[in-house]
Amino acid sequence: MESEPLKPAVGEWYADLQGVTFEVVTVDDEDGTIDVQYFDGTLEELDMDAWEELRAKPADPPEDWSGSLDIEREDYGVDLEADQHELWANPLDHLDQ
């Protein structure tokens, strides 16, 4: 017995059978369409039949938010590997004793 397909929810992330993740960005109940956006920024409009064929399962959102921005990790403008806690000052160091 096959389970009933998930109802798409705007803002939620899903994965298809191949493990490709996407976010539902709009659901138009009048037209019966669902707009999804893949991690790379690609948008796709699906009808309800296509949504059911996906057999989408809930997925965690990607940890790396830059997918749709078309930039490389080196271009973020920060050193992601730097140990930033060394730069943190103790706010109590500036109080008069």
PDB file of N, CA and C in Angstrom:
ATOM      1  N   MET A   1       0.838  -1.174   0.000  1.00  0.00           N
ATOM      2  CA  MET A   1       0.000   0.000   0.000  1.00  0.00           C
ATOM      3  C   MET A   1       0.890   1.246   0.000  1.00  0.00           C
ATOM      4  N   GLU A   2       0.637   2.164  -0.915  1.00  0.00           N
ATOM      5  CA  GLU A   2       1.443   3.361  -1.074  1.00  0.00           C
ATOM      6  C   GLU A   2       0.902   4.459  -0.161  1.00  0.00           C
ATOM      7  N   SER A   3       1.823   5.189   0.491  1.00  0.00           N
ATOM      8  CA  SER A   3       1.390   6.255   1.385  1.00  0.00           C
ATOM      9  C   SER A   3       0.947   7.464   0.575  1.00  0.00           C
ATOM     10  N   GLU A   4       0.107   8.269   1.191  1.00  0.00           N
ATOM     11  CA  GLU A   4      -0.396   9.479   0.541  1.00  0.00           C
ATOM     12  C   GLU A   4       0.723  10.511   0.438  1.00  0.00           C
ATOM     13  N   PRO A   5       0.813  11.229  -0.690  1.00  0.00           N
ATOM     14  CA  PRO A   5       1.888  12.216  -0.843  1.00  0.00           C
ATOM     15  C   PRO A   5       1.735  13.354   0.171  1.00  0.00           C
ATOM     16  N   LEU A   6       2.873  13.931   0.538  1.00  0.00           N
ATOM     17  CA  LEU A   6       2.877  15.059   1.453  1.00  0.00           C
ATOM     18  C   LEU A   6       2.235  16.268   0.794  1.00  0.00           C
ATOM     19  N   LYS A   7       1.538  17.045   1.591  1.00  0.00           N
ATOM     20  CA  LYS A   7       1.012  18.313   1.082  1.00  0.00           C
ATOM     21  C   LYS A   7       2.160  19.313   1.138  1.00  0.00           C
ATOM     22  N   PRO A   8       2.448  20.001   0.023  1.00  0.00           N
ATOM     23  CA  PRO A   8       3.563  20.954   0.009  1.00  0.00           C
ATOM     24  C   PRO A   8       3.279  22.148   0.911  1.00  0.00           C
ATOM     25  N   ALA A   9       4.305  22.588   1.634  1.00  0.00           N
ATOM     26  CA  ALA A   9       4.178  23.741   2.524  1.00  0.00           C
ATOM     27  C   ALA A   9       5.233  24.782   2.144  1.00  0.00           C
ATOM     28  N   VAL A  10       4.803  26.008   1.968  1.00  0.00           N
ATOM     29  CA  VAL A  10       5.711  27.091   1.591  1.00  0.00           C
ATOM     30  C   VAL A  10       6.771  27.267   2.680  1.00  0.00           C
ATOM     31  N   GLY A  11       8.040  27.371   2.226  1.00  0.00           N
ATOM     32  CA  GLY A  11       9.158  27.580   3.141  1.00  0.00           C
ATOM     33  C   GLY A  11       9.789  26.292   3.647  1.00  0.00           C
ATOM     34  N   GLU A  12       9.185  25.169   3.348  1.00  0.00           N
ATOM     35  CA  GLU A  12       9.717  23.877   3.793  1.00  0.00           C
ATOM     36  C   GLU A  12      10.616  23.291   2.702  1.00  0.00           C
ATOM     37  N   TRP A  13      11.606  22.518   3.152  1.00  0.00           N
ATOM     38  CA  TRP A  13      12.538  21.844   2.241  1.00  0.00           C
ATOM     39  C   TRP A  13      12.162  20.382   2.119  1.00  0.00           C
ATOM     40  N   TYR A  14      12.340  19.853   0.914  1.00  0.00           N
ATOM     41  CA  TYR A  14      12.016  18.465   0.597  1.00  0.00           C
ATOM     42  C   TYR A  14      13.138  17.874  -0.244  1.00  0.00           C
ATOM     43  N   ALA A  15      13.162  16.550  -0.312  1.00  0.00           N
ATOM     44  CA  ALA A  15      14.104  15.837  -1.182  1.00  0.00           C
ATOM     45  C   ALA A  15      13.307  14.871  -2.040  1.00  0.00           C
ATOM     46  N   ASP A  16      13.690  14.765  -3.316  1.00  0.00           N
ATOM     47  CA  ASP A  16      13.028  13.805  -4.188  1.00  0.00           C
ATOM     48  C   ASP A  16      13.680  12.429  -4.016  1.00  0.00           C
ATOM     49  N   LEU A  17      13.271  11.477  -4.819  1.00  0.00           N
ATOM     50  CA  LEU A  17      13.784  10.110  -4.684  1.00  0.00           C
ATOM     51  C   LEU A  17      15.287  10.002  -4.949  1.00  0.00           C
ATOM     52  N   GLN A  18      15.832  10.930  -5.742  1.00  0.00           N
ATOM     53  CA  GLN A  18      17.269  10.926  -6.026  1.00  0.00           C
ATOM     54  C   GLN A  18      18.057  11.705  -4.971  1.00  0.00           C
ATOM     55  N   GLY A  19      17.370  12.294  -3.996  1.00  0.00           N
ATOM     56  CA  GLY A  19      18.045  13.045  -2.938  1.00  0.00           C
ATOM     57  C   GLY A  19      18.275  14.505  -3.264  1.00  0.00           C
ATOM     58  N   VAL A  20      17.728  14.985  -4.376  1.00  0.00           N
ATOM     59  CA  VAL A  20      17.859  16.395  -4.748  1.00  0.00           C
ATOM     60  C   VAL A  20      16.923  17.208  -3.854  1.00  0.00           C
ATOM     61  N   THR A  21      17.484  18.230  -3.188  1.00  0.00           N
ATOM     62  CA  THR A  21      16.677  19.028  -2.271  1.00  0.00           C
ATOM     63  C   THR A  21      16.170  20.297  -2.936  1.00  0.00           C
ATOM     64  N   PHE A  22      15.030  20.747  -2.465  1.00  0.00           N
ATOM     65  CA  PHE A  22      14.400  21.954  -2.985  1.00  0.00           C
ATOM     66  C   PHE A  22      13.472  22.523  -1.918  1.00  0.00           C
ATOM     67  N   GLU A  23      13.171  23.806  -2.080  1.00  0.00           N
ATOM     68  CA  GLU A  23      12.269  24.496  -1.168  1.00  0.00           C
ATOM     69  C   GLU A  23      10.991  24.852  -1.920  1.00  0.00           C
ATOM     70  N   VAL A  24       9.859  24.685  -1.269  1.00  0.00           N
ATOM     71  CA  VAL A  24       8.593  25.119  -1.847  1.00  0.00           C
ATOM     72  C   VAL A  24       8.479  26.615  -1.605  1.00  0.00           C
ATOM     73  N   VAL A  25       8.326  27.391  -2.700  1.00  0.00           N
ATOM     74  CA  VAL A  25       8.266  28.842  -2.560  1.00  0.00           C
ATOM     75  C   VAL A  25       6.844  29.393  -2.715  1.00  0.00           C
ATOM     76  N   THR A  26       6.009  28.727  -3.471  1.00  0.00           N
ATOM     77  CA  THR A  26       4.591  29.116  -3.556  1.00  0.00           C
ATOM     78  C   THR A  26       3.736  27.883  -3.821  1.00  0.00           C
ATOM     79  N   VAL A  27       2.518  27.956  -3.325  1.00  0.00           N
ATOM     80  CA  VAL A  27       1.511  26.936  -3.624  1.00  0.00           C
ATOM     81  C   VAL A  27       0.269  27.693  -4.054  1.00  0.00           C
ATOM     82  N   ASP A  28      -0.187  27.448  -5.268  1.00  0.00           N
ATOM     83  CA  ASP A  28      -1.380  28.103  -5.794  1.00  0.00           C
ATOM     84  C   ASP A  28      -2.483  27.055  -5.887  1.00  0.00           C
ATOM     85  N   ASP A  29      -3.358  27.062  -4.889  1.00  0.00           N
ATOM     86  CA  ASP A  29      -4.428  26.067  -4.851  1.00  0.00           C
ATOM     87  C   ASP A  29      -5.434  26.264  -5.989  1.00  0.00           C
ATOM     88  N   GLU A  30      -5.626  27.514  -6.425  1.00  0.00           N
ATOM     89  CA  GLU A  30      -6.571  27.772  -7.517  1.00  0.00           C
ATOM     90  C   GLU A  30      -6.089  27.169  -8.830  1.00  0.00           C
ATOM     91  N   ASP A  31      -4.797  27.373  -9.135  1.00  0.00           N
ATOM     92  CA  ASP A  31      -4.227  26.823 -10.371  1.00  0.00           C
ATOM     93  C   ASP A  31      -3.766  25.382 -10.205  1.00  0.00           C
ATOM     94  N   GLY A  32      -3.608  24.947  -8.963  1.00  0.00           N
ATOM     95  CA  GLY A  32      -3.103  23.599  -8.719  1.00  0.00           C
ATOM     96  C   GLY A  32      -1.629  23.467  -9.035  1.00  0.00           C
ATOM     97  N   THR A  33      -0.861  24.564  -8.807  1.00  0.00           N
ATOM     98  CA  THR A  33       0.570  24.531  -9.098  1.00  0.00           C
ATOM     99  C   THR A  33       1.399  24.792  -7.847  1.00  0.00           C
ATOM    100  N   ILE A  34       2.619  24.304  -7.903  1.00  0.00           N
ATOM    101  CA  ILE A  34       3.589  24.462  -6.820  1.00  0.00           C
ATOM    102  C   ILE A  34       4.878  24.947  -7.455  1.00  0.00           C
ATOM    103  N   ASP A  35       5.418  26.053  -6.948  1.00  0.00           N
ATOM    104  CA  ASP A  35       6.716  26.541  -7.407  1.00  0.00           C
ATOM    105  C   ASP A  35       7.765  26.105  -6.409  1.00  0.00           C
ATOM    106  N   VAL A  36       8.830  25.497  -6.929  1.00  0.00           N
ATOM    107  CA  VAL A  36       9.930  25.051  -6.076  1.00  0.00           C
ATOM    108  C   VAL A  36      11.214  25.714  -6.547  1.00  0.00           C
ATOM    109  N   GLN A  37      12.142  25.891  -5.608  1.00  0.00           N
ATOM    110  CA  GLN A  37      13.451  26.437  -5.941  1.00  0.00           C
ATOM    111  C   GLN A  37      14.504  25.470  -5.440  1.00  0.00           C
ATOM    112  N   TYR A  38      15.380  25.085  -6.349  1.00  0.00           N
ATOM    113  CA  TYR A  38      16.476  24.192  -6.012  1.00  0.00           C
ATOM    114  C   TYR A  38      17.617  24.989  -5.401  1.00  0.00           C
ATOM    115  N   PHE A  39      18.550  24.301  -4.767  1.00  0.00           N
ATOM    116  CA  PHE A  39      19.669  24.944  -4.086  1.00  0.00           C
ATOM    117  C   PHE A  39      20.453  25.873  -5.001  1.00  0.00           C
ATOM    118  N   ASP A  40      20.565  25.525  -6.283  1.00  0.00           N
ATOM    119  CA  ASP A  40      21.335  26.360  -7.211  1.00  0.00           C
ATOM    120  C   ASP A  40      20.563  27.569  -7.711  1.00  0.00           C
ATOM    121  N   GLY A  41      19.327  27.760  -7.245  1.00  0.00           N
ATOM    122  CA  GLY A  41      18.527  28.910  -7.629  1.00  0.00           C
ATOM    123  C   GLY A  41      17.519  28.638  -8.722  1.00  0.00           C
ATOM    124  N   THR A  42      17.593  27.479  -9.341  1.00  0.00           N
ATOM    125  CA  THR A  42      16.672  27.127 -10.414  1.00  0.00           C
ATOM    126  C   THR A  42      15.243  27.039  -9.873  1.00  0.00           C
ATOM    127  N   LEU A  43      14.323  27.691 -10.568  1.00  0.00           N
ATOM    128  CA  LEU A  43      12.905  27.625 -10.214  1.00  0.00           C
ATOM    129  C   LEU A  43      12.192  26.659 -11.140  1.00  0.00           C
ATOM    130  N   GLU A  44      11.203  25.961 -10.596  1.00  0.00           N
ATOM    131  CA  GLU A  44      10.409  25.040 -11.409  1.00  0.00           C
ATOM    132  C   GLU A  44       8.973  25.086 -10.921  1.00  0.00           C
ATOM    133  N   GLU A  45       8.050  25.080 -11.870  1.00  0.00           N
ATOM    134  CA  GLU A  45       6.631  25.026 -11.533  1.00  0.00           C
ATOM    135  C   GLU A  45       6.139  23.605 -11.773  1.00  0.00           C
ATOM    136  N   LEU A  46       5.490  23.058 -10.773  1.00  0.00           N
ATOM    137  CA  LEU A  46       4.968  21.696 -10.862  1.00  0.00           C
ATOM    138  C   LEU A  46       3.453  21.731 -10.735  1.00  0.00           C
ATOM    139  N   ASP A  47       2.776  20.820 -11.430  1.00  0.00           N
ATOM    140  CA  ASP A  47       1.357  20.659 -11.153  1.00  0.00           C
ATOM    141  C   ASP A  47       1.220  19.585 -10.072  1.00  0.00           C
ATOM    142  N   MET A  48       0.034  19.390  -9.581  1.00  0.00           N
ATOM    143  CA  MET A  48      -0.154  18.453  -8.466  1.00  0.00           C
ATOM    144  C   MET A  48       0.241  17.023  -8.850  1.00  0.00           C
ATOM    145  N   ASP A  49       0.001  16.631 -10.096  1.00  0.00           N
ATOM    146  CA  ASP A  49       0.394  15.288 -10.530  1.00  0.00           C
ATOM    147  C   ASP A  49       1.913  15.117 -10.476  1.00  0.00           C
ATOM    148  N   ALA A  50       2.636  16.146 -10.949  1.00  0.00           N
ATOM    149  CA  ALA A  50       4.104  16.092 -10.917  1.00  0.00           C
ATOM    150  C   ALA A  50       4.607  16.058  -9.475  1.00  0.00           C
ATOM    151  N   TRP A  51       3.945  16.822  -8.585  1.00  0.00           N
ATOM    152  CA  TRP A  51       4.330  16.811  -7.159  1.00  0.00           C
ATOM    153  C   TRP A  51       4.172  15.404  -6.586  1.00  0.00           C
ATOM    154  N   GLU A  52       3.068  14.764  -6.890  1.00  0.00           N
ATOM    155  CA  GLU A  52       2.827  13.411  -6.378  1.00  0.00           C
ATOM    156  C   GLU A  52       3.851  12.419  -6.919  1.00  0.00           C
ATOM    157  N   GLU A  53       4.255  12.585  -8.191  1.00  0.00           N
ATOM    158  CA  GLU A  53       5.251  11.697  -8.788  1.00  0.00           C
ATOM    159  C   GLU A  53       6.629  11.856  -8.133  1.00  0.00           C
ATOM    160  N   LEU A  54       6.909  13.059  -7.604  1.00  0.00           N
ATOM    161  CA  LEU A  54       8.190  13.286  -6.929  1.00  0.00           C
ATOM    162  C   LEU A  54       8.344  12.417  -5.682  1.00  0.00           C
ATOM    163  N   ARG A  55       7.229  12.135  -5.036  1.00  0.00           N
ATOM    164  CA  ARG A  55       7.226  11.414  -3.752  1.00  0.00           C
ATOM    165  C   ARG A  55       8.227  12.064  -2.791  1.00  0.00           C
ATOM    166  N   ALA A  56       8.099  13.375  -2.681  1.00  0.00           N
ATOM    167  CA  ALA A  56       9.004  14.181  -1.859  1.00  0.00           C
ATOM    168  C   ALA A  56       8.883  13.822  -0.390  1.00  0.00           C
ATOM    169  N   LYS A  57      10.014  13.864   0.268  1.00  0.00           N
ATOM    170  CA  LYS A  57      10.102  13.623   1.712  1.00  0.00           C
ATOM    171  C   LYS A  57      10.678  14.873   2.367  1.00  0.00           C
ATOM    172  N   PRO A  58      10.288  15.193   3.601  1.00  0.00           N
ATOM    173  CA  PRO A  58      10.863  16.362   4.282  1.00  0.00           C
ATOM    174  C   PRO A  58      12.386  16.245   4.360  1.00  0.00           C
ATOM    175  N   ALA A  59      13.056  17.393   4.219  1.00  0.00           N
ATOM    176  CA  ALA A  59      14.519  17.428   4.269  1.00  0.00           C
ATOM    177  C   ALA A  59      14.950  18.648   5.064  1.00  0.00           C
ATOM    178  N   ASP A  60      16.165  18.579   5.596  1.00  0.00           N
ATOM    179  CA  ASP A  60      16.736  19.726   6.288  1.00  0.00           C
ATOM    180  C   ASP A  60      17.192  20.751   5.263  1.00  0.00           C
ATOM    181  N   PRO A  61      17.064  22.041   5.592  1.00  0.00           N
ATOM    182  CA  PRO A  61      17.587  23.057   4.672  1.00  0.00           C
ATOM    183  C   PRO A  61      19.100  22.946   4.594  1.00  0.00           C
ATOM    184  N   PRO A  62      19.682  23.380   3.489  1.00  0.00           N
ATOM    185  CA  PRO A  62      21.143  23.294   3.364  1.00  0.00           C
ATOM    186  C   PRO A  62      21.830  24.195   4.383  1.00  0.00           C
ATOM    187  N   GLU A  63      22.976  23.753   4.880  1.00  0.00           N
ATOM    188  CA  GLU A  63      23.745  24.554   5.829  1.00  0.00           C
ATOM    189  C   GLU A  63      24.441  25.710   5.127  1.00  0.00           C
ATOM    190  N   ASP A  64      24.803  25.525   3.876  1.00  0.00           N
ATOM    191  CA  ASP A  64      25.497  26.537   3.094  1.00  0.00           C
ATOM    192  C   ASP A  64      24.454  27.329   2.313  1.00  0.00           C
ATOM    193  N   TRP A  65      24.172  28.553   2.725  1.00  0.00           N
ATOM    194  CA  TRP A  65      23.098  29.359   2.166  1.00  0.00           C
ATOM    195  C   TRP A  65      23.433  29.972   0.815  1.00  0.00           C
ATOM    196  N   SER A  66      24.626  29.801   0.317  1.00  0.00           N
ATOM    197  CA  SER A  66      25.063  30.530  -0.870  1.00  0.00           C
ATOM    198  C   SER A  66      24.680  29.883  -2.193  1.00  0.00           C
ATOM    199  N   GLY A  67      24.016  28.764  -2.204  1.00  0.00           N
ATOM    200  CA  GLY A  67      23.758  28.032  -3.435  1.00  0.00           C
ATOM    201  C   GLY A  67      23.154  28.851  -4.545  1.00  0.00           C
ATOM    202  N   SER A  68      22.100  29.593  -4.259  1.00  0.00           N
ATOM    203  CA  SER A  68      21.437  30.354  -5.309  1.00  0.00           C
ATOM    204  C   SER A  68      22.128  31.675  -5.604  1.00  0.00           C
ATOM    205  N   LEU A  69      23.182  32.021  -4.865  1.00  0.00           N
ATOM    206  CA  LEU A  69      23.858  33.294  -5.068  1.00  0.00           C
ATOM    207  C   LEU A  69      24.955  33.230  -6.112  1.00  0.00           C
ATOM    208  N   ASP A  70      25.299  32.037  -6.568  1.00  0.00           N
ATOM    209  CA  ASP A  70      26.310  31.850  -7.602  1.00  0.00           C
ATOM    210  C   ASP A  70      27.657  32.476  -7.213  1.00  0.00           C
ATOM    211  N   ILE A  71      28.085  32.209  -5.977  1.00  0.00           N
ATOM    212  CA  ILE A  71      29.405  32.645  -5.534  1.00  0.00           C
ATOM    213  C   ILE A  71      30.127  31.460  -4.926  1.00  0.00           C
ATOM    214  N   GLU A  72      31.424  31.549  -4.946  1.00  0.00           N
ATOM    215  CA  GLU A  72      32.249  30.506  -4.367  1.00  0.00           C
ATOM    216  C   GLU A  72      32.496  30.819  -2.888  1.00  0.00           C
ATOM    217  N   ARG A  73      32.834  29.811  -2.103  1.00  0.00           N
ATOM    218  CA  ARG A  73      33.102  30.015  -0.675  1.00  0.00           C
ATOM    219  C   ARG A  73      34.193  31.049  -0.454  1.00  0.00           C
ATOM    220  N   GLU A  74      35.176  31.107  -1.345  1.00  0.00           N
ATOM    221  CA  GLU A  74      36.276  32.057  -1.202  1.00  0.00           C
ATOM    222  C   GLU A  74      35.800  33.497  -1.375  1.00  0.00           C
ATOM    223  N   ASP A  75      34.651  33.692  -2.021  1.00  0.00           N
ATOM    224  CA  ASP A  75      34.148  35.030  -2.313  1.00  0.00           C
ATOM    225  C   ASP A  75      33.206  35.578  -1.244  1.00  0.00           C
ATOM    226  N   TYR A  76      33.024  34.866  -0.141  1.00  0.00           N
ATOM    227  CA  TYR A  76      32.113  35.330   0.908  1.00  0.00           C
ATOM    228  C   TYR A  76      32.590  36.628   1.555  1.00  0.00           C
ATOM    229  N   GLY A  77      33.897  36.909   1.470  1.00  0.00           N
ATOM    230  CA  GLY A  77      34.425  38.109   2.088  1.00  0.00           C
ATOM    231  C   GLY A  77      34.886  37.899   3.514  1.00  0.00           C
ATOM    232  N   VAL A  78      34.879  36.670   3.955  1.00  0.00           N
ATOM    233  CA  VAL A  78      35.364  36.343   5.298  1.00  0.00           C
ATOM    234  C   VAL A  78      36.201  35.077   5.204  1.00  0.00           C
ATOM    235  N   ASP A  79      37.088  34.928   6.159  1.00  0.00           N
ATOM    236  CA  ASP A  79      37.876  33.704   6.231  1.00  0.00           C
ATOM    237  C   ASP A  79      37.088  32.712   7.079  1.00  0.00           C
ATOM    238  N   LEU A  80      36.432  31.774   6.417  1.00  0.00           N
ATOM    239  CA  LEU A  80      35.566  30.836   7.116  1.00  0.00           C
ATOM    240  C   LEU A  80      36.343  29.873   8.002  1.00  0.00           C
ATOM    241  N   GLU A  81      37.607  29.712   7.739  1.00  0.00           N
ATOM    242  CA  GLU A  81      38.424  28.791   8.520  1.00  0.00           C
ATOM    243  C   GLU A  81      39.129  29.479   9.685  1.00  0.00           C
ATOM    244  N   ALA A  82      39.109  30.811   9.733  1.00  0.00           N
ATOM    245  CA  ALA A  82      39.816  31.542  10.784  1.00  0.00           C
ATOM    246  C   ALA A  82      39.196  31.255  12.145  1.00  0.00           C
ATOM    247  N   ASP A  83      40.024  31.226  13.132  1.00  0.00           N
ATOM    248  CA  ASP A  83      39.582  30.983  14.494  1.00  0.00           C
ATOM    249  C   ASP A  83      39.206  32.328  15.118  1.00  0.00           C
ATOM    250  N   GLN A  84      37.956  32.728  14.985  1.00  0.00           N
ATOM    251  CA  GLN A  84      37.508  34.059  15.366  1.00  0.00           C
ATOM    252  C   GLN A  84      37.463  34.285  16.879  1.00  0.00           C
ATOM    253  N   HIS A  85      37.367  33.233  17.663  1.00  0.00           N
ATOM    254  CA  HIS A  85      37.229  33.446  19.104  1.00  0.00           C
ATOM    255  C   HIS A  85      38.464  34.119  19.710  1.00  0.00           C
ATOM    256  N   GLU A  86      39.605  34.055  19.035  1.00  0.00           N
ATOM    257  CA  GLU A  86      40.797  34.715  19.550  1.00  0.00           C
ATOM    258  C   GLU A  86      40.647  36.229  19.522  1.00  0.00           C
ATOM    259  N   LEU A  87      39.775  36.750  18.667  1.00  0.00           N
ATOM    260  CA  LEU A  87      39.581  38.183  18.548  1.00  0.00           C
ATOM    261  C   LEU A  87      38.571  38.720  19.559  1.00  0.00           C
ATOM    262  N   TRP A  88      37.841  37.835  20.193  1.00  0.00           N
ATOM    263  CA  TRP A  88      36.824  38.272  21.130  1.00  0.00           C
ATOM    264  C   TRP A  88      37.494  38.795  22.393  1.00  0.00           C
ATOM    265  N   ALA A  89      37.070  39.952  22.816  1.00  0.00           N
ATOM    266  CA  ALA A  89      37.609  40.541  24.048  1.00  0.00           C
ATOM    267  C   ALA A  89      36.627  40.280  25.171  1.00  0.00           C
ATOM    268  N   ASN A  90      37.146  40.173  26.360  1.00  0.00           N
ATOM    269  CA  ASN A  90      36.319  40.016  27.532  1.00  0.00           C
ATOM    270  C   ASN A  90      35.815  41.401  27.908  1.00  0.00           C
ATOM    271  N   PRO A  91      34.499  41.636  27.894  1.00  0.00           N
ATOM    272  CA  PRO A  91      33.981  42.971  28.202  1.00  0.00           C
ATOM    273  C   PRO A  91      34.324  43.441  29.615  1.00  0.00           C
ATOM    274  N   LEU A  92      34.632  42.522  30.502  1.00  0.00           N
ATOM    275  CA  LEU A  92      34.982  42.898  31.874  1.00  0.00           C
ATOM    276  C   LEU A  92      36.395  43.481  31.949  1.00  0.00           C
ATOM    277  N   ASP A  93      37.213  43.282  30.923  1.00  0.00           N
ATOM    278  CA  ASP A  93      38.568  43.840  30.915  1.00  0.00           C
ATOM    279  C   ASP A  93      38.558  45.359  30.897  1.00  0.00           C
ATOM    280  N   HIS A  94      37.466  45.950  30.454  1.00  0.00           N
ATOM    281  CA  HIS A  94      37.400  47.419  30.312  1.00  0.00           C
ATOM    282  C   HIS A  94      36.754  48.101  31.511  1.00  0.00           C
ATOM    283  N   LEU A  95      36.336  47.358  32.512  1.00  0.00           N
ATOM    284  CA  LEU A  95      35.743  47.956  33.711  1.00  0.00           C
ATOM    285  C   LEU A  95      36.827  48.407  34.661  1.00  0.00           C
ATOM    286  N   ASP A  96      36.563  49.525  35.347  1.00  0.00           N
ATOM    287  CA  ASP A  96      37.490  49.991  36.377  1.00  0.00           C
ATOM    288  C   ASP A  96      37.445  49.027  37.553  1.00  0.00           C
ATOM    289  N   GLN A  97      38.588  48.839  38.115  1.00  0.00           N
ATOM    290  CA  GLN A  97      38.644  47.894  39.239  1.00  0.00           C
ATOM    291  C   GLN A  97      38.495  48.582  40.557  1.00  0.00           C
TER     292      GLN A  97
END
